[in-house]
Amino acid sequence: EHVFTTVVGYAFLNELRNTAVIRGKIPPERLPVIPV
């Protein structure tokens, strides 16, 4: 939904991505990249 467009939002998305990969055991290939 392109919710975030600033560095604050991008940092939060990166945090979510890391949590999903590490704790959720979701392969990084299955997650979409952060569009800048």
Full PDB file with SEQRES, HELIX, SHEET, SSBOND, CRYST1, ORIGX, SCALE, CONECT and MASTER records, all heavy atoms in Angstrom:
SEQRES   1 A   36  GLU HIS VAL PHE THR THR VAL VAL GLY TYR ALA PHE LEU          
SEQRES   2 A   36  ASN GLU LEU ARG ASN THR ALA VAL ILE ARG GLY LYS ILE          
SEQRES   3 A   36  PRO PRO GLU ARG LEU PRO VAL ILE PRO VAL                      
HELIX    1 AA1 VAL A    7  ILE A   22  1                                  16    
HELIX    2 AA2 PRO A   28  ARG A   30  5                                   3    
CRYST1    1.000    1.000    1.000  90.00  90.00  90.00 P 1           1          
ORIGX1      1.000000  0.000000  0.000000        0.00000                         
ORIGX2      0.000000  1.000000  0.000000        0.00000                         
ORIGX3      0.000000  0.000000  1.000000        0.00000                         
SCALE1      1.000000  0.000000  0.000000        0.00000                         
SCALE2      0.000000  1.000000  0.000000        0.00000                         
SCALE3      0.000000  0.000000  1.000000        0.00000                         
ATOM      1  N   GLU A   1       0.809  -1.218   0.000  1.00  0.00           N  
ATOM      2  CA  GLU A   1       0.000   0.000   0.000  1.00  0.00           C  
ATOM      3  C   GLU A   1       0.849   1.280   0.000  1.00  0.00           C  
ATOM      4  O   GLU A   1       0.302   2.380   0.071  1.00  0.00           O  
ATOM      5  CB  GLU A   1      -0.947   0.004   1.205  1.00  0.00           C  
ATOM      6  CG  GLU A   1      -1.992  -1.090   1.112  1.00  0.00           C  
ATOM      7  CD  GLU A   1      -2.984  -1.041   2.262  1.00  0.00           C  
ATOM      8  OE1 GLU A   1      -2.939  -0.098   3.078  1.00  0.00           O  
ATOM      9  OE2 GLU A   1      -3.815  -1.947   2.331  1.00  0.00           O  
ATOM     10  N   HIS A   2       2.173   1.140  -0.041  1.00  0.00           N  
ATOM     11  CA  HIS A   2       3.088   2.288  -0.065  1.00  0.00           C  
ATOM     12  C   HIS A   2       2.763   3.263   1.062  1.00  0.00           C  
ATOM     13  O   HIS A   2       2.606   4.468   0.852  1.00  0.00           O  
ATOM     14  CB  HIS A   2       3.037   3.013  -1.409  1.00  0.00           C  
ATOM     15  CG  HIS A   2       3.356   2.116  -2.566  1.00  0.00           C  
ATOM     16  ND1 HIS A   2       4.630   1.668  -2.818  1.00  0.00           N  
ATOM     17  CD2 HIS A   2       2.561   1.549  -3.519  1.00  0.00           C  
ATOM     18  CE1 HIS A   2       4.612   0.893  -3.890  1.00  0.00           C  
ATOM     19  NE2 HIS A   2       3.374   0.791  -4.326  1.00  0.00           N  
ATOM     20  N   VAL A   3       2.678   2.723   2.267  1.00  0.00           N  
ATOM     21  CA  VAL A   3       2.304   3.519   3.433  1.00  0.00           C  
ATOM     22  C   VAL A   3       3.408   4.503   3.814  1.00  0.00           C  
ATOM     23  O   VAL A   3       3.130   5.626   4.215  1.00  0.00           O  
ATOM     24  CB  VAL A   3       1.975   2.587   4.624  1.00  0.00           C  
ATOM     25  CG1 VAL A   3       1.705   3.384   5.885  1.00  0.00           C  
ATOM     26  CG2 VAL A   3       0.776   1.710   4.287  1.00  0.00           C  
ATOM     27  N   PHE A   4       4.670   4.090   3.671  1.00  0.00           N  
ATOM     28  CA  PHE A   4       5.778   4.910   4.155  1.00  0.00           C  
ATOM     29  C   PHE A   4       6.592   5.475   2.997  1.00  0.00           C  
ATOM     30  O   PHE A   4       6.872   4.777   2.029  1.00  0.00           O  
ATOM     31  CB  PHE A   4       6.668   4.081   5.081  1.00  0.00           C  
ATOM     32  CG  PHE A   4       5.918   3.533   6.268  1.00  0.00           C  
ATOM     33  CD1 PHE A   4       5.636   2.184   6.364  1.00  0.00           C  
ATOM     34  CD2 PHE A   4       5.485   4.376   7.272  1.00  0.00           C  
ATOM     35  CE1 PHE A   4       4.944   1.679   7.442  1.00  0.00           C  
ATOM     36  CE2 PHE A   4       4.790   3.881   8.357  1.00  0.00           C  
ATOM     37  CZ  PHE A   4       4.520   2.529   8.449  1.00  0.00           C  
ATOM     38  N   THR A   5       6.975   6.762   3.146  1.00  0.00           N  
ATOM     39  CA  THR A   5       7.749   7.423   2.090  1.00  0.00           C  
ATOM     40  C   THR A   5       8.939   8.201   2.639  1.00  0.00           C  
ATOM     41  O   THR A   5       9.604   8.899   1.883  1.00  0.00           O  
ATOM     42  CB  THR A   5       6.851   8.397   1.297  1.00  0.00           C  
ATOM     43  OG1 THR A   5       6.318   9.354   2.198  1.00  0.00           O  
ATOM     44  CG2 THR A   5       5.737   7.665   0.575  1.00  0.00           C  
ATOM     45  N   THR A   6       9.177   8.143   3.945  1.00  0.00           N  
ATOM     46  CA  THR A   6      10.322   8.848   4.519  1.00  0.00           C  
ATOM     47  C   THR A   6      11.263   7.843   5.170  1.00  0.00           C  
ATOM     48  O   THR A   6      10.926   6.675   5.334  1.00  0.00           O  
ATOM     49  CB  THR A   6       9.891   9.882   5.578  1.00  0.00           C  
ATOM     50  OG1 THR A   6       9.353   9.188   6.708  1.00  0.00           O  
ATOM     51  CG2 THR A   6       8.892  10.870   5.029  1.00  0.00           C  
ATOM     52  N   VAL A   7      12.415   8.323   5.576  1.00  0.00           N  
ATOM     53  CA  VAL A   7      13.422   7.473   6.186  1.00  0.00           C  
ATOM     54  C   VAL A   7      12.902   6.850   7.482  1.00  0.00           C  
ATOM     55  O   VAL A   7      13.274   5.723   7.826  1.00  0.00           O  
ATOM     56  CB  VAL A   7      14.735   8.263   6.400  1.00  0.00           C  
ATOM     57  CG1 VAL A   7      14.556   9.326   7.447  1.00  0.00           C  
ATOM     58  CG2 VAL A   7      15.883   7.358   6.734  1.00  0.00           C  
ATOM     59  N   VAL A   8      12.012   7.527   8.178  1.00  0.00           N  
ATOM     60  CA  VAL A   8      11.428   6.994   9.413  1.00  0.00           C  
ATOM     61  C   VAL A   8      10.614   5.739   9.092  1.00  0.00           C  
ATOM     62  O   VAL A   8      10.747   4.704   9.755  1.00  0.00           O  
ATOM     63  CB  VAL A   8      10.546   8.062  10.104  1.00  0.00           C  
ATOM     64  CG1 VAL A   8       9.819   7.480  11.290  1.00  0.00           C  
ATOM     65  CG2 VAL A   8      11.380   9.258  10.517  1.00  0.00           C  
ATOM     66  N   GLY A   9       9.798   5.819   8.061  1.00  0.00           N  
ATOM     67  CA  GLY A   9       8.993   4.668   7.645  1.00  0.00           C  
ATOM     68  C   GLY A   9       9.840   3.534   7.095  1.00  0.00           C  
ATOM     69  O   GLY A   9       9.583   2.360   7.359  1.00  0.00           O  
ATOM     70  N   TYR A  10      10.876   3.901   6.321  1.00  0.00           N  
ATOM     71  CA  TYR A  10      11.756   2.873   5.754  1.00  0.00           C  
ATOM     72  C   TYR A  10      12.489   2.119   6.856  1.00  0.00           C  
ATOM     73  O   TYR A  10      12.658   0.896   6.790  1.00  0.00           O  
ATOM     74  CB  TYR A  10      12.755   3.488   4.783  1.00  0.00           C  
ATOM     75  CG  TYR A  10      12.110   4.097   3.549  1.00  0.00           C  
ATOM     76  CD1 TYR A  10      12.640   5.230   2.954  1.00  0.00           C  
ATOM     77  CD2 TYR A  10      10.975   3.542   2.982  1.00  0.00           C  
ATOM     78  CE1 TYR A  10      12.065   5.797   1.825  1.00  0.00           C  
ATOM     79  CE2 TYR A  10      10.392   4.094   1.864  1.00  0.00           C  
ATOM     80  CZ  TYR A  10      10.933   5.220   1.285  1.00  0.00           C  
ATOM     81  OH  TYR A  10      10.358   5.774   0.177  1.00  0.00           O  
ATOM     82  N   ALA A  11      12.905   2.816   7.894  1.00  0.00           N  
ATOM     83  CA  ALA A  11      13.584   2.157   9.016  1.00  0.00           C  
ATOM     84  C   ALA A  11      12.627   1.191   9.709  1.00  0.00           C  
ATOM     85  O   ALA A  11      13.019   0.076  10.082  1.00  0.00           O  
ATOM     86  CB  ALA A  11      14.107   3.201  10.002  1.00  0.00           C  
ATOM     87  N   PHE A  12      11.376   1.599   9.871  1.00  0.00           N  
ATOM     88  CA  PHE A  12      10.372   0.721  10.486  1.00  0.00           C  
ATOM     89  C   PHE A  12      10.125  -0.506   9.620  1.00  0.00           C  
ATOM     90  O   PHE A  12      10.030  -1.628  10.122  1.00  0.00           O  
ATOM     91  CB  PHE A  12       9.076   1.505  10.711  1.00  0.00           C  
ATOM     92  CG  PHE A  12       7.959   0.674  11.269  1.00  0.00           C  
ATOM     93  CD1 PHE A  12       8.025   0.157  12.553  1.00  0.00           C  
ATOM     94  CD2 PHE A  12       6.828   0.415  10.506  1.00  0.00           C  
ATOM     95  CE1 PHE A  12       6.985  -0.609  13.065  1.00  0.00           C  
ATOM     96  CE2 PHE A  12       5.791  -0.349  11.012  1.00  0.00           C  
ATOM     97  CZ  PHE A  12       5.868  -0.860  12.290  1.00  0.00           C  
ATOM     98  N   LEU A  13      10.022  -0.300   8.291  1.00  0.00           N  
ATOM     99  CA  LEU A  13       9.833  -1.443   7.393  1.00  0.00           C  
ATOM    100  C   LEU A  13      11.011  -2.407   7.474  1.00  0.00           C  
ATOM    101  O   LEU A  13      10.828  -3.632   7.467  1.00  0.00           O  
ATOM    102  CB  LEU A  13       9.643  -0.960   5.952  1.00  0.00           C  
ATOM    103  CG  LEU A  13       8.306  -0.303   5.631  1.00  0.00           C  
ATOM    104  CD1 LEU A  13       8.308   0.233   4.201  1.00  0.00           C  
ATOM    105  CD2 LEU A  13       7.158  -1.272   5.826  1.00  0.00           C  
ATOM    106  N   ASN A  14      12.211  -1.868   7.556  1.00  0.00           N  
ATOM    107  CA  ASN A  14      13.395  -2.712   7.669  1.00  0.00           C  
ATOM    108  C   ASN A  14      13.356  -3.518   8.974  1.00  0.00           C  
ATOM    109  O   ASN A  14      13.697  -4.696   9.005  1.00  0.00           O  
ATOM    110  CB  ASN A  14      14.663  -1.856   7.593  1.00  0.00           C  
ATOM    111  CG  ASN A  14      15.889  -2.693   7.364  1.00  0.00           C  
ATOM    112  OD1 ASN A  14      15.856  -3.667   6.616  1.00  0.00           O  
ATOM    113  ND2 ASN A  14      16.972  -2.334   8.031  1.00  0.00           N  
ATOM    114  N   GLU A  15      12.918  -2.869  10.039  1.00  0.00           N  
ATOM    115  CA  GLU A  15      12.778  -3.559  11.334  1.00  0.00           C  
ATOM    116  C   GLU A  15      11.758  -4.695  11.224  1.00  0.00           C  
ATOM    117  O   GLU A  15      11.996  -5.811  11.702  1.00  0.00           O  
ATOM    118  CB  GLU A  15      12.340  -2.546  12.395  1.00  0.00           C  
ATOM    119  CG  GLU A  15      12.080  -3.131  13.760  1.00  0.00           C  
ATOM    120  CD  GLU A  15      11.486  -2.096  14.725  1.00  0.00           C  
ATOM    121  OE1 GLU A  15      11.764  -0.902  14.573  1.00  0.00           O  
ATOM    122  OE2 GLU A  15      10.738  -2.524  15.624  1.00  0.00           O  
ATOM    123  N   LEU A  16      10.622  -4.427  10.582  1.00  0.00           N  
ATOM    124  CA  LEU A  16       9.601  -5.465  10.388  1.00  0.00           C  
ATOM    125  C   LEU A  16      10.144  -6.623   9.555  1.00  0.00           C  
ATOM    126  O   LEU A  16       9.896  -7.795   9.862  1.00  0.00           O  
ATOM    127  CB  LEU A  16       8.362  -4.879   9.716  1.00  0.00           C  
ATOM    128  CG  LEU A  16       7.477  -3.954  10.523  1.00  0.00           C  
ATOM    129  CD1 LEU A  16       6.345  -3.415   9.654  1.00  0.00           C  
ATOM    130  CD2 LEU A  16       6.908  -4.666  11.736  1.00  0.00           C  
ATOM    131  N   ARG A  17      10.866  -6.282   8.509  1.00  0.00           N  
ATOM    132  CA  ARG A  17      11.431  -7.311   7.620  1.00  0.00           C  
ATOM    133  C   ARG A  17      12.394  -8.206   8.402  1.00  0.00           C  
ATOM    134  O   ARG A  17      12.327  -9.435   8.300  1.00  0.00           O  
ATOM    135  CB  ARG A  17      12.144  -6.653   6.435  1.00  0.00           C  
ATOM    136  CG  ARG A  17      12.712  -7.632   5.438  1.00  0.00           C  
ATOM    137  CD  ARG A  17      13.407  -6.884   4.299  1.00  0.00           C  
ATOM    138  NE  ARG A  17      13.943  -7.801   3.331  1.00  0.00           N  
ATOM    139  CZ  ARG A  17      13.283  -8.291   2.297  1.00  0.00           C  
ATOM    140  NH1 ARG A  17      12.040  -7.920   2.087  1.00  0.00           N  
ATOM    141  NH2 ARG A  17      13.848  -9.131   1.469  1.00  0.00           N  
ATOM    142  N   ASN A  18      13.283  -7.608   9.190  1.00  0.00           N  
ATOM    143  CA  ASN A  18      14.228  -8.394   9.982  1.00  0.00           C  
ATOM    144  C   ASN A  18      13.502  -9.292  10.987  1.00  0.00           C  
ATOM    145  O   ASN A  18      13.869 -10.451  11.173  1.00  0.00           O  
ATOM    146  CB  ASN A  18      15.224  -7.480  10.700  1.00  0.00           C  
ATOM    147  CG  ASN A  18      16.178  -6.820   9.734  1.00  0.00           C  
ATOM    148  OD1 ASN A  18      16.396  -7.305   8.620  1.00  0.00           O  
ATOM    149  ND2 ASN A  18      16.735  -5.683  10.136  1.00  0.00           N  
ATOM    150  N   THR A  19      12.462  -8.761  11.635  1.00  0.00           N  
ATOM    151  CA  THR A  19      11.696  -9.565  12.592  1.00  0.00           C  
ATOM    152  C   THR A  19      11.006 -10.725  11.891  1.00  0.00           C  
ATOM    153  O   THR A  19      10.996 -11.854  12.399  1.00  0.00           O  
ATOM    154  CB  THR A  19      10.645  -8.687  13.309  1.00  0.00           C  
ATOM    155  OG1 THR A  19      11.304  -7.594  13.932  1.00  0.00           O  
ATOM    156  CG2 THR A  19       9.877  -9.481  14.343  1.00  0.00           C  
ATOM    157  N   ALA A  20      10.443 -10.479  10.705  1.00  0.00           N  
ATOM    158  CA  ALA A  20       9.760 -11.535   9.959  1.00  0.00           C  
ATOM    159  C   ALA A  20      10.736 -12.630   9.539  1.00  0.00           C  
ATOM    160  O   ALA A  20      10.417 -13.814   9.593  1.00  0.00           O  
ATOM    161  CB  ALA A  20       9.058 -10.945   8.736  1.00  0.00           C  
ATOM    162  N   VAL A  21      11.940 -12.243   9.134  1.00  0.00           N  
ATOM    163  CA  VAL A  21      12.939 -13.228   8.682  1.00  0.00           C  
ATOM    164  C   VAL A  21      13.501 -14.002   9.871  1.00  0.00           C  
ATOM    165  O   VAL A  21      13.589 -15.236   9.835  1.00  0.00           O  
ATOM    166  CB  VAL A  21      14.067 -12.523   7.891  1.00  0.00           C  
ATOM    167  CG1 VAL A  21      15.226 -13.481   7.624  1.00  0.00           C  
ATOM    168  CG2 VAL A  21      13.525 -11.975   6.579  1.00  0.00           C  
ATOM    169  N   ILE A  22      13.858 -13.304  10.942  1.00  0.00           N  
ATOM    170  CA  ILE A  22      14.521 -13.956  12.075  1.00  0.00           C  
ATOM    171  C   ILE A  22      13.523 -14.729  12.944  1.00  0.00           C  
ATOM    172  O   ILE A  22      13.705 -15.917  13.199  1.00  0.00           O  
ATOM    173  CB  ILE A  22      15.292 -12.920  12.928  1.00  0.00           C  
ATOM    174  CG1 ILE A  22      16.436 -12.331  12.097  1.00  0.00           C  
ATOM    175  CG2 ILE A  22      15.820 -13.542  14.208  1.00  0.00           C  
ATOM    176  CD1 ILE A  22      17.097 -11.118  12.735  1.00  0.00           C  
ATOM    177  N   ARG A  23      12.469 -14.084  13.384  1.00  0.00           N  
ATOM    178  CA  ARG A  23      11.535 -14.730  14.313  1.00  0.00           C  
ATOM    179  C   ARG A  23      10.432 -15.510  13.604  1.00  0.00           C  
ATOM    180  O   ARG A  23       9.926 -16.477  14.140  1.00  0.00           O  
ATOM    181  CB  ARG A  23      10.903 -13.693  15.229  1.00  0.00           C  
ATOM    182  CG  ARG A  23      11.894 -13.085  16.170  1.00  0.00           C  
ATOM    183  CD  ARG A  23      11.203 -12.196  17.146  1.00  0.00           C  
ATOM    184  NE  ARG A  23      12.197 -11.603  18.041  1.00  0.00           N  
ATOM    185  CZ  ARG A  23      11.926 -11.136  19.222  1.00  0.00           C  
ATOM    186  NH1 ARG A  23      10.702 -11.170  19.666  1.00  0.00           N  
ATOM    187  NH2 ARG A  23      12.874 -10.622  19.972  1.00  0.00           N  
ATOM    188  N   GLY A  24      10.026 -15.035  12.432  1.00  0.00           N  
ATOM    189  CA  GLY A  24       8.940 -15.690  11.720  1.00  0.00           C  
ATOM    190  C   GLY A  24       9.409 -16.781  10.782  1.00  0.00           C  
ATOM    191  O   GLY A  24       8.607 -17.481  10.173  1.00  0.00           O  
ATOM    192  N   LYS A  25      10.725 -16.902  10.636  1.00  0.00           N  
ATOM    193  CA  LYS A  25      11.327 -17.926   9.765  1.00  0.00           C  
ATOM    194  C   LYS A  25      10.777 -17.810   8.336  1.00  0.00           C  
ATOM    195  O   LYS A  25      10.575 -18.802   7.651  1.00  0.00           O  
ATOM    196  CB  LYS A  25      11.063 -19.337  10.304  1.00  0.00           C  
ATOM    197  CG  LYS A  25      11.472 -19.555  11.746  1.00  0.00           C  
ATOM    198  CD  LYS A  25      12.956 -19.721  11.872  1.00  0.00           C  
ATOM    199  CE  LYS A  25      13.318 -20.185  13.274  1.00  0.00           C  
ATOM    200  NZ  LYS A  25      14.125 -19.275  13.990  1.00  0.00           N  
ATOM    201  N   ILE A  26      10.512 -16.572   7.909  1.00  0.00           N  
ATOM    202  CA  ILE A  26      10.041 -16.339   6.539  1.00  0.00           C  
ATOM    203  C   ILE A  26      11.273 -16.095   5.676  1.00  0.00           C  
ATOM    204  O   ILE A  26      12.085 -15.220   5.981  1.00  0.00           O  
ATOM    205  CB  ILE A  26       9.087 -15.125   6.478  1.00  0.00           C  
ATOM    206  CG1 ILE A  26       7.860 -15.368   7.363  1.00  0.00           C  
ATOM    207  CG2 ILE A  26       8.666 -14.834   5.045  1.00  0.00           C  
ATOM    208  CD1 ILE A  26       6.951 -14.166   7.497  1.00  0.00           C  
ATOM    209  N   PRO A  27      11.421 -16.840   4.590  1.00  0.00           N  
ATOM    210  CA  PRO A  27      12.589 -16.623   3.723  1.00  0.00           C  
ATOM    211  C   PRO A  27      12.554 -15.217   3.125  1.00  0.00           C  
ATOM    212  O   PRO A  27      11.499 -14.743   2.696  1.00  0.00           O  
ATOM    213  CB  PRO A  27      12.439 -17.680   2.626  1.00  0.00           C  
ATOM    214  CG  PRO A  27      11.413 -18.634   3.110  1.00  0.00           C  
ATOM    215  CD  PRO A  27      10.585 -17.944   4.137  1.00  0.00           C  
ATOM    216  N   PRO A  28      13.694 -14.542   3.079  1.00  0.00           N  
ATOM    217  CA  PRO A  28      13.727 -13.173   2.553  1.00  0.00           C  
ATOM    218  C   PRO A  28      13.238 -13.079   1.110  1.00  0.00           C  
ATOM    219  O   PRO A  28      12.720 -12.043   0.700  1.00  0.00           O  
ATOM    220  CB  PRO A  28      15.203 -12.771   2.653  1.00  0.00           C  
ATOM    221  CG  PRO A  28      15.839 -13.744   3.571  1.00  0.00           C  
ATOM    222  CD  PRO A  28      14.993 -14.973   3.575  1.00  0.00           C  
ATOM    223  N   GLU A  29      13.377 -14.155   0.344  1.00  0.00           N  
ATOM    224  CA  GLU A  29      12.933 -14.140  -1.055  1.00  0.00           C  
ATOM    225  C   GLU A  29      11.413 -14.025  -1.169  1.00  0.00           C  
ATOM    226  O   GLU A  29      10.894 -13.568  -2.188  1.00  0.00           O  
ATOM    227  CB  GLU A  29      13.370 -15.428  -1.794  1.00  0.00           C  
ATOM    228  CG  GLU A  29      14.850 -15.755  -1.716  1.00  0.00           C  
ATOM    229  CD  GLU A  29      15.225 -16.481  -0.417  1.00  0.00           C  
ATOM    230  OE1 GLU A  29      14.546 -17.444  -0.029  1.00  0.00           O  
ATOM    231  OE2 GLU A  29      16.211 -16.059   0.206  1.00  0.00           O  
ATOM    232  N   ARG A  30      10.697 -14.470  -0.152  1.00  0.00           N  
ATOM    233  CA  ARG A  30       9.230 -14.424  -0.189  1.00  0.00           C  
ATOM    234  C   ARG A  30       8.688 -13.047   0.180  1.00  0.00           C  
ATOM    235  O   ARG A  30       7.516 -12.760  -0.064  1.00  0.00           O  
ATOM    236  CB  ARG A  30       8.657 -15.470   0.772  1.00  0.00           C  
ATOM    237  CG  ARG A  30       8.892 -16.884   0.268  1.00  0.00           C  
ATOM    238  CD  ARG A  30       8.164 -17.937   1.059  1.00  0.00           C  
ATOM    239  NE  ARG A  30       6.745 -17.614   1.211  1.00  0.00           N  
ATOM    240  CZ  ARG A  30       6.027 -17.995   2.266  1.00  0.00           C  
ATOM    241  NH1 ARG A  30       6.575 -18.665   3.248  1.00  0.00           N  
ATOM    242  NH2 ARG A  30       4.754 -17.704   2.339  1.00  0.00           N  
ATOM    243  N   LEU A  31       9.512 -12.209   0.772  1.00  0.00           N  
ATOM    244  CA  LEU A  31       9.070 -10.872   1.165  1.00  0.00           C  
ATOM    245  C   LEU A  31       9.387  -9.869   0.055  1.00  0.00           C  
ATOM    246  O   LEU A  31      10.460  -9.915  -0.535  1.00  0.00           O  
ATOM    247  CB  LEU A  31       9.785 -10.440   2.452  1.00  0.00           C  
ATOM    248  CG  LEU A  31       9.447 -11.248   3.702  1.00  0.00           C  
ATOM    249  CD1 LEU A  31      10.351 -10.825   4.851  1.00  0.00           C  
ATOM    250  CD2 LEU A  31       7.999 -11.064   4.095  1.00  0.00           C  
ATOM    251  N   PRO A  32       8.441  -8.948  -0.218  1.00  0.00           N  
ATOM    252  CA  PRO A  32       8.718  -7.932  -1.244  1.00  0.00           C  
ATOM    253  C   PRO A  32       9.791  -6.961  -0.752  1.00  0.00           C  
ATOM    254  O   PRO A  32       9.975  -6.765   0.447  1.00  0.00           O  
ATOM    255  CB  PRO A  32       7.373  -7.219  -1.418  1.00  0.00           C  
ATOM    256  CG  PRO A  32       6.620  -7.469  -0.162  1.00  0.00           C  
ATOM    257  CD  PRO A  32       7.100  -8.795   0.364  1.00  0.00           C  
ATOM    258  N   VAL A  33      10.482  -6.370  -1.705  1.00  0.00           N  
ATOM    259  CA  VAL A  33      11.509  -5.387  -1.350  1.00  0.00           C  
ATOM    260  C   VAL A  33      10.846  -4.069  -0.989  1.00  0.00           C  
ATOM    261  O   VAL A  33       9.716  -3.796  -1.377  1.00  0.00           O  
ATOM    262  CB  VAL A  33      12.521  -5.182  -2.509  1.00  0.00           C  
ATOM    263  CG1 VAL A  33      13.308  -6.447  -2.753  1.00  0.00           C  
ATOM    264  CG2 VAL A  33      11.822  -4.719  -3.757  1.00  0.00           C  
ATOM    265  N   ILE A  34      11.563  -3.233  -0.267  1.00  0.00           N  
ATOM    266  CA  ILE A  34      11.041  -1.928   0.141  1.00  0.00           C  
ATOM    267  C   ILE A  34      11.189  -0.964  -1.027  1.00  0.00           C  
ATOM    268  O   ILE A  34      12.303  -0.675  -1.456  1.00  0.00           O  
ATOM    269  CB  ILE A  34      11.793  -1.393   1.375  1.00  0.00           C  
ATOM    270  CG1 ILE A  34      11.645  -2.360   2.545  1.00  0.00           C  
ATOM    271  CG2 ILE A  34      11.294   0.003   1.742  1.00  0.00           C  
ATOM    272  CD1 ILE A  34      12.515  -2.020   3.742  1.00  0.00           C  
ATOM    273  N   PRO A  35      10.070  -0.470  -1.581  1.00  0.00           N  
ATOM    274  CA  PRO A  35      10.163   0.451  -2.721  1.00  0.00           C  
ATOM    275  C   PRO A  35      10.506   1.872  -2.256  1.00  0.00           C  
ATOM    276  O   PRO A  35       9.815   2.451  -1.439  1.00  0.00           O  
ATOM    277  CB  PRO A  35       8.761   0.405  -3.327  1.00  0.00           C  
ATOM    278  CG  PRO A  35       7.872   0.064  -2.173  1.00  0.00           C  
ATOM    279  CD  PRO A  35       8.689  -0.789  -1.240  1.00  0.00           C  
ATOM    280  N   VAL A  36      11.579   2.400  -2.770  1.00  0.00           N  
ATOM    281  CA  VAL A  36      11.981   3.773  -2.472  1.00  0.00           C  
ATOM    282  C   VAL A  36      11.763   4.568  -3.750  1.00  0.00           C  
ATOM    283  O   VAL A  36      12.481   4.407  -4.714  1.00  0.00           O  
ATOM    284  CB  VAL A  36      13.452   3.841  -2.022  1.00  0.00           C  
ATOM    285  CG1 VAL A  36      13.857   5.282  -1.765  1.00  0.00           C  
ATOM    286  CG2 VAL A  36      13.674   2.978  -0.797  1.00  0.00           C  
TER     287      VAL A  36                                                      
MASTER        0    0    0    2    0    0    0    6  286    1    0    3          
END                                                                             
